[in-house]
Amino acid sequence: MTKSVLQEANIRIGDTVASKEEAIRKAGNLLVENGYVKEEYVEKMMEREEVTSTFMGNFLAIPHGTEDAKKEVIESGITIHLLEEPVDWDGNEVKLVIGIAGKGDEHLSILSNIAITCSEEDTLQQILSADSSEELMELFSGVE
């Protein structure tokens, strides 16, 4: 049975992290915990970050695995971590960390849908000030 890309169990509000590395590991470990990826995927997320930053602007980072990490993906999914305090991401402030794993080429459409959702300033402000997983589920309903 195919899981939904985003479930309430994939959302953490008020997370605290000391570094971008900790944020990436939390996002990856939640993907593992909820059955989207194998444990090795988390290390591939760390490798990706060494190659190129996953900071996207507007307080948003979207860590994901390298190209060869696709074999570690069980099902497409995302995790959302809305941080209590911004974390330094290579000199940029990040408050929203969206971990992503895509089966096959699904990561491209998922990334595109996340970018569309986060591109509207009003929507982004609603996301950053959300105080419930239900609210975030609704705001990201187009990501599926």
N, C-alpha and C. Protein backbone atom coordinates (compact mmCIF):
# COMPACT_ATOMS: atom_id res chain seq x y z
N MET A 1 0.83 -1.19 0.00
CA MET A 1 0.00 0.00 0.00
C MET A 1 0.88 1.25 0.00
N THR A 2 0.54 2.18 -0.86
CA THR A 2 1.32 3.41 -0.98
C THR A 2 0.93 4.40 0.10
N LYS A 3 1.94 4.97 0.74
CA LYS A 3 1.70 5.98 1.76
C LYS A 3 1.48 7.33 1.10
N SER A 4 0.86 8.21 1.85
CA SER A 4 0.74 9.59 1.43
C SER A 4 2.14 10.23 1.55
N VAL A 5 2.46 11.12 0.63
CA VAL A 5 3.77 11.79 0.65
C VAL A 5 3.95 12.56 1.96
N LEU A 6 2.86 13.17 2.42
CA LEU A 6 2.90 13.92 3.68
C LEU A 6 1.79 13.45 4.60
N GLN A 7 2.19 13.04 5.79
CA GLN A 7 1.25 12.63 6.84
C GLN A 7 1.55 13.47 8.08
N GLU A 8 0.59 13.53 8.99
CA GLU A 8 0.83 14.31 10.22
C GLU A 8 2.05 13.81 10.98
N ALA A 9 2.32 12.52 10.91
CA ALA A 9 3.48 11.94 11.61
C ALA A 9 4.80 12.47 11.04
N ASN A 10 4.75 13.11 9.88
CA ASN A 10 5.96 13.63 9.22
C ASN A 10 6.23 15.09 9.59
N ILE A 11 5.45 15.65 10.48
CA ILE A 11 5.55 17.07 10.81
C ILE A 11 6.00 17.27 12.25
N ARG A 12 6.97 18.17 12.42
CA ARG A 12 7.44 18.55 13.75
C ARG A 12 7.39 20.08 13.83
N ILE A 13 6.70 20.59 14.83
CA ILE A 13 6.62 22.02 15.04
C ILE A 13 7.34 22.34 16.35
N GLY A 14 8.15 23.41 16.32
CA GLY A 14 8.87 23.83 17.53
C GLY A 14 10.14 23.04 17.78
N ASP A 15 10.64 22.38 16.73
CA ASP A 15 11.91 21.66 16.85
C ASP A 15 13.03 22.63 17.18
N THR A 16 14.03 22.14 17.87
CA THR A 16 15.23 22.94 18.10
C THR A 16 16.42 22.13 17.59
N VAL A 17 17.31 22.81 16.91
CA VAL A 17 18.54 22.18 16.41
C VAL A 17 19.69 23.15 16.62
N ALA A 18 20.88 22.58 16.79
CA ALA A 18 22.07 23.40 17.02
C ALA A 18 22.82 23.72 15.73
N SER A 19 22.55 22.95 14.67
CA SER A 19 23.31 23.13 13.43
C SER A 19 22.50 22.62 12.24
N LYS A 20 22.94 23.00 11.04
CA LYS A 20 22.26 22.49 9.84
C LYS A 20 22.44 20.98 9.74
N GLU A 21 23.58 20.46 10.18
CA GLU A 21 23.80 19.01 10.15
C GLU A 21 22.77 18.28 11.01
N GLU A 22 22.49 18.83 12.20
CA GLU A 22 21.49 18.23 13.07
C GLU A 22 20.10 18.32 12.41
N ALA A 23 19.82 19.43 11.76
CA ALA A 23 18.53 19.60 11.08
C ALA A 23 18.37 18.56 9.95
N ILE A 24 19.43 18.35 9.18
CA ILE A 24 19.38 17.38 8.09
C ILE A 24 19.16 15.98 8.66
N ARG A 25 19.89 15.64 9.71
CA ARG A 25 19.74 14.31 10.32
C ARG A 25 18.33 14.11 10.89
N LYS A 26 17.77 15.13 11.52
CA LYS A 26 16.41 15.01 12.04
C LYS A 26 15.42 14.77 10.90
N ALA A 27 15.56 15.52 9.82
CA ALA A 27 14.67 15.36 8.67
C ALA A 27 14.82 13.96 8.07
N GLY A 28 16.06 13.52 7.92
CA GLY A 28 16.32 12.19 7.36
C GLY A 28 15.85 11.07 8.27
N ASN A 29 16.12 11.21 9.57
CA ASN A 29 15.71 10.16 10.50
C ASN A 29 14.20 10.02 10.58
N LEU A 30 13.47 11.13 10.41
CA LEU A 30 12.02 11.04 10.41
C LEU A 30 11.51 10.33 9.15
N LEU A 31 12.21 10.52 8.04
CA LEU A 31 11.88 9.77 6.82
C LEU A 31 12.10 8.27 7.04
N VAL A 32 13.19 7.93 7.74
CA VAL A 32 13.49 6.53 8.06
C VAL A 32 12.42 5.98 9.00
N GLU A 33 12.16 6.71 10.08
CA GLU A 33 11.22 6.28 11.11
C GLU A 33 9.82 6.00 10.54
N ASN A 34 9.42 6.77 9.55
CA ASN A 34 8.08 6.62 8.98
C ASN A 34 8.05 5.75 7.72
N GLY A 35 9.17 5.07 7.45
CA GLY A 35 9.19 4.05 6.40
C GLY A 35 9.33 4.52 4.97
N TYR A 36 9.84 5.72 4.77
CA TYR A 36 10.01 6.23 3.40
C TYR A 36 11.36 5.86 2.80
N VAL A 37 12.38 5.77 3.64
CA VAL A 37 13.73 5.51 3.16
C VAL A 37 14.46 4.54 4.09
N LYS A 38 15.53 3.95 3.56
CA LYS A 38 16.42 3.14 4.39
C LYS A 38 17.38 4.07 5.12
N GLU A 39 17.99 3.57 6.19
CA GLU A 39 18.89 4.40 7.01
C GLU A 39 20.03 5.04 6.22
N GLU A 40 20.52 4.34 5.20
CA GLU A 40 21.65 4.85 4.41
C GLU A 40 21.31 6.18 3.72
N TYR A 41 20.04 6.44 3.51
CA TYR A 41 19.61 7.67 2.84
C TYR A 41 20.06 8.91 3.60
N VAL A 42 20.06 8.84 4.93
CA VAL A 42 20.43 9.99 5.75
C VAL A 42 21.87 10.42 5.42
N GLU A 43 22.78 9.46 5.27
CA GLU A 43 24.16 9.80 4.93
C GLU A 43 24.25 10.41 3.54
N LYS A 44 23.40 9.95 2.63
CA LYS A 44 23.37 10.52 1.27
C LYS A 44 22.85 11.96 1.31
N MET A 45 21.97 12.27 2.28
CA MET A 45 21.53 13.65 2.46
C MET A 45 22.70 14.52 2.92
N MET A 46 23.52 13.98 3.81
CA MET A 46 24.70 14.72 4.28
C MET A 46 25.69 14.94 3.13
N GLU A 47 25.87 13.90 2.31
CA GLU A 47 26.77 14.01 1.15
C GLU A 47 26.28 15.09 0.19
N ARG A 48 24.98 15.13 -0.07
CA ARG A 48 24.40 16.13 -0.97
C ARG A 48 24.72 17.54 -0.48
N GLU A 49 24.61 17.74 0.82
CA GLU A 49 24.84 19.06 1.39
C GLU A 49 26.30 19.49 1.23
N GLU A 50 27.23 18.51 1.22
CA GLU A 50 28.64 18.83 1.01
C GLU A 50 28.89 19.28 -0.42
N VAL A 51 28.12 18.75 -1.36
CA VAL A 51 28.28 19.09 -2.78
C VAL A 51 27.67 20.45 -3.08
N THR A 52 26.46 20.66 -2.63
CA THR A 52 25.78 21.92 -2.87
C THR A 52 24.75 22.18 -1.77
N SER A 53 24.65 23.42 -1.34
CA SER A 53 23.72 23.76 -0.27
C SER A 53 22.28 23.56 -0.72
N THR A 54 21.45 23.08 0.20
CA THR A 54 20.04 22.90 -0.10
C THR A 54 19.21 24.07 0.43
N PHE A 55 19.88 25.16 0.80
CA PHE A 55 19.19 26.39 1.19
C PHE A 55 18.51 26.96 -0.05
N MET A 56 17.21 27.29 0.09
CA MET A 56 16.44 27.75 -1.06
C MET A 56 16.05 29.22 -0.98
N GLY A 57 16.40 29.91 0.11
CA GLY A 57 15.95 31.28 0.31
C GLY A 57 14.68 31.29 1.14
N ASN A 58 14.25 32.48 1.58
CA ASN A 58 13.01 32.62 2.35
C ASN A 58 12.94 31.70 3.56
N PHE A 59 14.04 31.54 4.29
CA PHE A 59 14.07 30.74 5.53
C PHE A 59 13.86 29.24 5.28
N LEU A 60 14.01 28.79 4.04
CA LEU A 60 13.69 27.42 3.65
C LEU A 60 14.92 26.65 3.18
N ALA A 61 15.05 25.41 3.67
CA ALA A 61 16.05 24.47 3.16
C ALA A 61 15.33 23.16 2.87
N ILE A 62 15.74 22.51 1.78
CA ILE A 62 15.12 21.25 1.38
C ILE A 62 16.20 20.18 1.20
N PRO A 63 16.70 19.63 2.31
CA PRO A 63 17.71 18.59 2.20
C PRO A 63 17.15 17.31 1.58
N HIS A 64 17.96 16.71 0.72
CA HIS A 64 17.57 15.47 0.05
C HIS A 64 18.83 14.70 -0.32
N GLY A 65 18.66 13.49 -0.74
CA GLY A 65 19.79 12.62 -1.03
C GLY A 65 20.45 12.92 -2.37
N THR A 66 21.59 12.30 -2.58
CA THR A 66 22.30 12.41 -3.85
C THR A 66 21.59 11.57 -4.91
N GLU A 67 22.02 11.69 -6.14
CA GLU A 67 21.41 10.94 -7.24
C GLU A 67 21.47 9.44 -6.98
N ASP A 68 22.59 8.96 -6.46
CA ASP A 68 22.72 7.51 -6.22
C ASP A 68 21.98 7.05 -4.96
N ALA A 69 21.30 7.97 -4.27
CA ALA A 69 20.53 7.59 -3.08
C ALA A 69 19.16 7.03 -3.44
N LYS A 70 18.78 7.11 -4.71
CA LYS A 70 17.44 6.66 -5.11
C LYS A 70 17.17 5.21 -4.72
N LYS A 71 18.21 4.39 -4.71
CA LYS A 71 18.03 2.98 -4.35
C LYS A 71 17.68 2.81 -2.87
N GLU A 72 17.87 3.86 -2.08
CA GLU A 72 17.57 3.82 -0.65
C GLU A 72 16.13 4.29 -0.35
N VAL A 73 15.43 4.76 -1.40
CA VAL A 73 14.06 5.27 -1.22
C VAL A 73 13.06 4.13 -1.36
N ILE A 74 12.24 3.95 -0.34
CA ILE A 74 11.20 2.93 -0.35
C ILE A 74 9.92 3.51 -0.97
N GLU A 75 9.53 4.70 -0.52
CA GLU A 75 8.38 5.42 -1.04
C GLU A 75 8.66 6.91 -0.98
N SER A 76 8.06 7.67 -1.89
CA SER A 76 8.22 9.12 -1.88
C SER A 76 7.58 9.71 -0.64
N GLY A 77 8.29 10.66 -0.02
CA GLY A 77 7.74 11.31 1.16
C GLY A 77 8.50 12.57 1.51
N ILE A 78 7.86 13.41 2.32
CA ILE A 78 8.52 14.61 2.84
C ILE A 78 8.29 14.70 4.34
N THR A 79 9.23 15.36 5.00
CA THR A 79 9.06 15.69 6.41
C THR A 79 9.16 17.20 6.52
N ILE A 80 8.43 17.75 7.45
CA ILE A 80 8.44 19.20 7.67
C ILE A 80 8.85 19.46 9.11
N HIS A 81 9.89 20.27 9.25
CA HIS A 81 10.37 20.68 10.58
C HIS A 81 10.31 22.20 10.64
N LEU A 82 9.38 22.71 11.42
CA LEU A 82 9.27 24.14 11.65
C LEU A 82 10.01 24.43 12.94
N LEU A 83 11.15 25.09 12.80
CA LEU A 83 12.05 25.28 13.93
C LEU A 83 11.60 26.40 14.86
N GLU A 84 11.85 26.20 16.14
CA GLU A 84 11.53 27.21 17.16
C GLU A 84 12.37 28.47 16.91
N GLU A 85 13.66 28.27 16.66
CA GLU A 85 14.59 29.36 16.39
C GLU A 85 15.30 29.05 15.08
N PRO A 86 15.59 30.07 14.26
CA PRO A 86 16.31 29.82 13.01
C PRO A 86 17.68 29.20 13.27
N VAL A 87 18.12 28.36 12.32
CA VAL A 87 19.44 27.75 12.39
C VAL A 87 20.29 28.35 11.27
N ASP A 88 21.59 28.49 11.54
CA ASP A 88 22.51 29.00 10.52
C ASP A 88 22.74 27.94 9.45
N TRP A 89 22.48 28.29 8.21
CA TRP A 89 22.65 27.38 7.08
C TRP A 89 23.60 28.06 6.11
N ASP A 90 24.88 27.89 6.35
CA ASP A 90 25.91 28.53 5.51
C ASP A 90 25.73 30.04 5.45
N GLY A 91 25.47 30.65 6.60
CA GLY A 91 25.34 32.10 6.65
C GLY A 91 23.92 32.61 6.41
N ASN A 92 22.99 31.72 6.20
CA ASN A 92 21.59 32.09 6.00
C ASN A 92 20.75 31.54 7.14
N GLU A 93 19.68 32.25 7.47
CA GLU A 93 18.78 31.75 8.51
C GLU A 93 17.73 30.84 7.91
N VAL A 94 17.56 29.67 8.52
CA VAL A 94 16.55 28.70 8.09
C VAL A 94 15.63 28.41 9.26
N LYS A 95 14.34 28.49 9.00
CA LYS A 95 13.35 28.18 10.02
C LYS A 95 12.47 27.01 9.59
N LEU A 96 12.45 26.70 8.29
CA LEU A 96 11.63 25.63 7.73
C LEU A 96 12.53 24.65 7.00
N VAL A 97 12.58 23.41 7.50
CA VAL A 97 13.40 22.37 6.89
C VAL A 97 12.46 21.29 6.36
N ILE A 98 12.51 21.07 5.06
CA ILE A 98 11.65 20.06 4.45
C ILE A 98 12.55 18.96 3.87
N GLY A 99 12.56 17.82 4.56
CA GLY A 99 13.31 16.67 4.07
C GLY A 99 12.50 16.00 2.97
N ILE A 100 13.17 15.59 1.91
CA ILE A 100 12.45 15.02 0.78
C ILE A 100 13.14 13.77 0.26
N ALA A 101 12.33 12.80 -0.09
CA ALA A 101 12.81 11.57 -0.74
C ALA A 101 11.81 11.23 -1.84
N GLY A 102 12.31 11.10 -3.05
CA GLY A 102 11.42 10.80 -4.17
C GLY A 102 11.78 9.48 -4.84
N LYS A 103 10.78 8.67 -5.06
CA LYS A 103 10.95 7.40 -5.78
C LYS A 103 11.05 7.73 -7.26
N GLY A 104 12.04 7.16 -7.94
CA GLY A 104 12.21 7.45 -9.37
C GLY A 104 12.43 8.94 -9.60
N ASP A 105 11.62 9.51 -10.48
CA ASP A 105 11.74 10.94 -10.77
C ASP A 105 10.70 11.77 -10.03
N GLU A 106 10.00 11.18 -9.09
CA GLU A 106 8.95 11.90 -8.35
C GLU A 106 9.51 13.07 -7.55
N HIS A 107 10.81 13.03 -7.20
CA HIS A 107 11.37 14.13 -6.41
C HIS A 107 11.26 15.46 -7.14
N LEU A 108 11.31 15.43 -8.47
CA LEU A 108 11.24 16.68 -9.23
C LEU A 108 9.87 17.34 -9.09
N SER A 109 8.80 16.56 -9.20
CA SER A 109 7.47 17.15 -9.06
C SER A 109 7.21 17.56 -7.61
N ILE A 110 7.73 16.79 -6.65
CA ILE A 110 7.56 17.15 -5.24
C ILE A 110 8.28 18.47 -4.97
N LEU A 111 9.53 18.59 -5.43
CA LEU A 111 10.29 19.83 -5.26
C LEU A 111 9.56 21.01 -5.89
N SER A 112 9.06 20.81 -7.09
CA SER A 112 8.33 21.86 -7.80
C SER A 112 7.11 22.30 -7.01
N ASN A 113 6.35 21.35 -6.49
CA ASN A 113 5.15 21.68 -5.72
C ASN A 113 5.48 22.39 -4.41
N ILE A 114 6.59 22.00 -3.78
CA ILE A 114 7.03 22.70 -2.56
C ILE A 114 7.41 24.13 -2.91
N ALA A 115 8.15 24.30 -4.01
CA ALA A 115 8.57 25.64 -4.43
C ALA A 115 7.37 26.53 -4.72
N ILE A 116 6.36 25.97 -5.38
CA ILE A 116 5.14 26.74 -5.67
C ILE A 116 4.45 27.13 -4.38
N THR A 117 4.31 26.19 -3.46
CA THR A 117 3.66 26.45 -2.17
C THR A 117 4.38 27.54 -1.39
N CYS A 118 5.71 27.50 -1.40
CA CYS A 118 6.49 28.44 -0.59
C CYS A 118 6.82 29.74 -1.31
N SER A 119 6.43 29.88 -2.57
CA SER A 119 6.79 31.08 -3.33
C SER A 119 5.89 32.27 -3.03
N GLU A 120 4.67 32.02 -2.60
CA GLU A 120 3.76 33.11 -2.25
C GLU A 120 4.10 33.63 -0.86
N GLU A 121 4.36 34.91 -0.75
CA GLU A 121 4.77 35.51 0.53
C GLU A 121 3.72 35.28 1.62
N ASP A 122 2.45 35.44 1.29
CA ASP A 122 1.39 35.23 2.29
C ASP A 122 1.37 33.80 2.79
N THR A 123 1.47 32.86 1.86
CA THR A 123 1.46 31.44 2.24
C THR A 123 2.68 31.11 3.08
N LEU A 124 3.82 31.64 2.68
CA LEU A 124 5.05 31.38 3.44
C LEU A 124 4.91 31.90 4.87
N GLN A 125 4.33 33.08 5.04
CA GLN A 125 4.15 33.62 6.39
C GLN A 125 3.20 32.74 7.21
N GLN A 126 2.16 32.20 6.56
CA GLN A 126 1.24 31.29 7.25
C GLN A 126 1.98 30.02 7.68
N ILE A 127 2.85 29.52 6.81
CA ILE A 127 3.63 28.31 7.12
C ILE A 127 4.54 28.58 8.32
N LEU A 128 5.28 29.70 8.26
CA LEU A 128 6.25 30.01 9.31
C LEU A 128 5.59 30.30 10.65
N SER A 129 4.32 30.70 10.63
CA SER A 129 3.64 30.99 11.90
C SER A 129 2.63 29.90 12.29
N ALA A 130 2.62 28.80 11.56
CA ALA A 130 1.69 27.71 11.87
C ALA A 130 1.95 27.16 13.26
N ASP A 131 0.87 26.79 13.95
CA ASP A 131 1.06 26.21 15.27
C ASP A 131 0.41 24.84 15.41
N SER A 132 0.04 24.24 14.27
CA SER A 132 -0.50 22.87 14.33
C SER A 132 -0.12 22.11 13.07
N SER A 133 0.01 20.80 13.22
CA SER A 133 0.33 19.96 12.07
C SER A 133 -0.83 19.96 11.07
N GLU A 134 -2.07 20.10 11.57
CA GLU A 134 -3.23 20.16 10.68
C GLU A 134 -3.13 21.36 9.75
N GLU A 135 -2.71 22.50 10.31
CA GLU A 135 -2.56 23.72 9.53
C GLU A 135 -1.50 23.52 8.43
N LEU A 136 -0.38 22.90 8.79
CA LEU A 136 0.67 22.65 7.80
C LEU A 136 0.21 21.63 6.76
N MET A 137 -0.54 20.63 7.18
CA MET A 137 -1.08 19.65 6.22
C MET A 137 -1.92 20.36 5.16
N GLU A 138 -2.74 21.29 5.61
CA GLU A 138 -3.60 22.02 4.69
C GLU A 138 -2.78 22.91 3.76
N LEU A 139 -1.81 23.62 4.31
CA LEU A 139 -0.98 24.52 3.50
C LEU A 139 -0.15 23.75 2.47
N PHE A 140 0.24 22.53 2.79
CA PHE A 140 1.04 21.72 1.86
C PHE A 140 0.21 20.66 1.13
N SER A 141 -1.09 20.84 1.08
CA SER A 141 -1.97 19.85 0.45
C SER A 141 -1.66 19.64 -1.04
N GLY A 142 -1.08 20.62 -1.70
CA GLY A 142 -0.75 20.50 -3.12
C GLY A 142 0.53 19.76 -3.41
N VAL A 143 1.23 19.30 -2.39
CA VAL A 143 2.54 18.66 -2.61
C VAL A 143 2.41 17.23 -3.11
N GLU A 144 1.32 16.57 -2.83
CA GLU A 144 1.12 15.15 -3.20
C GLU A 144 1.53 14.85 -4.63
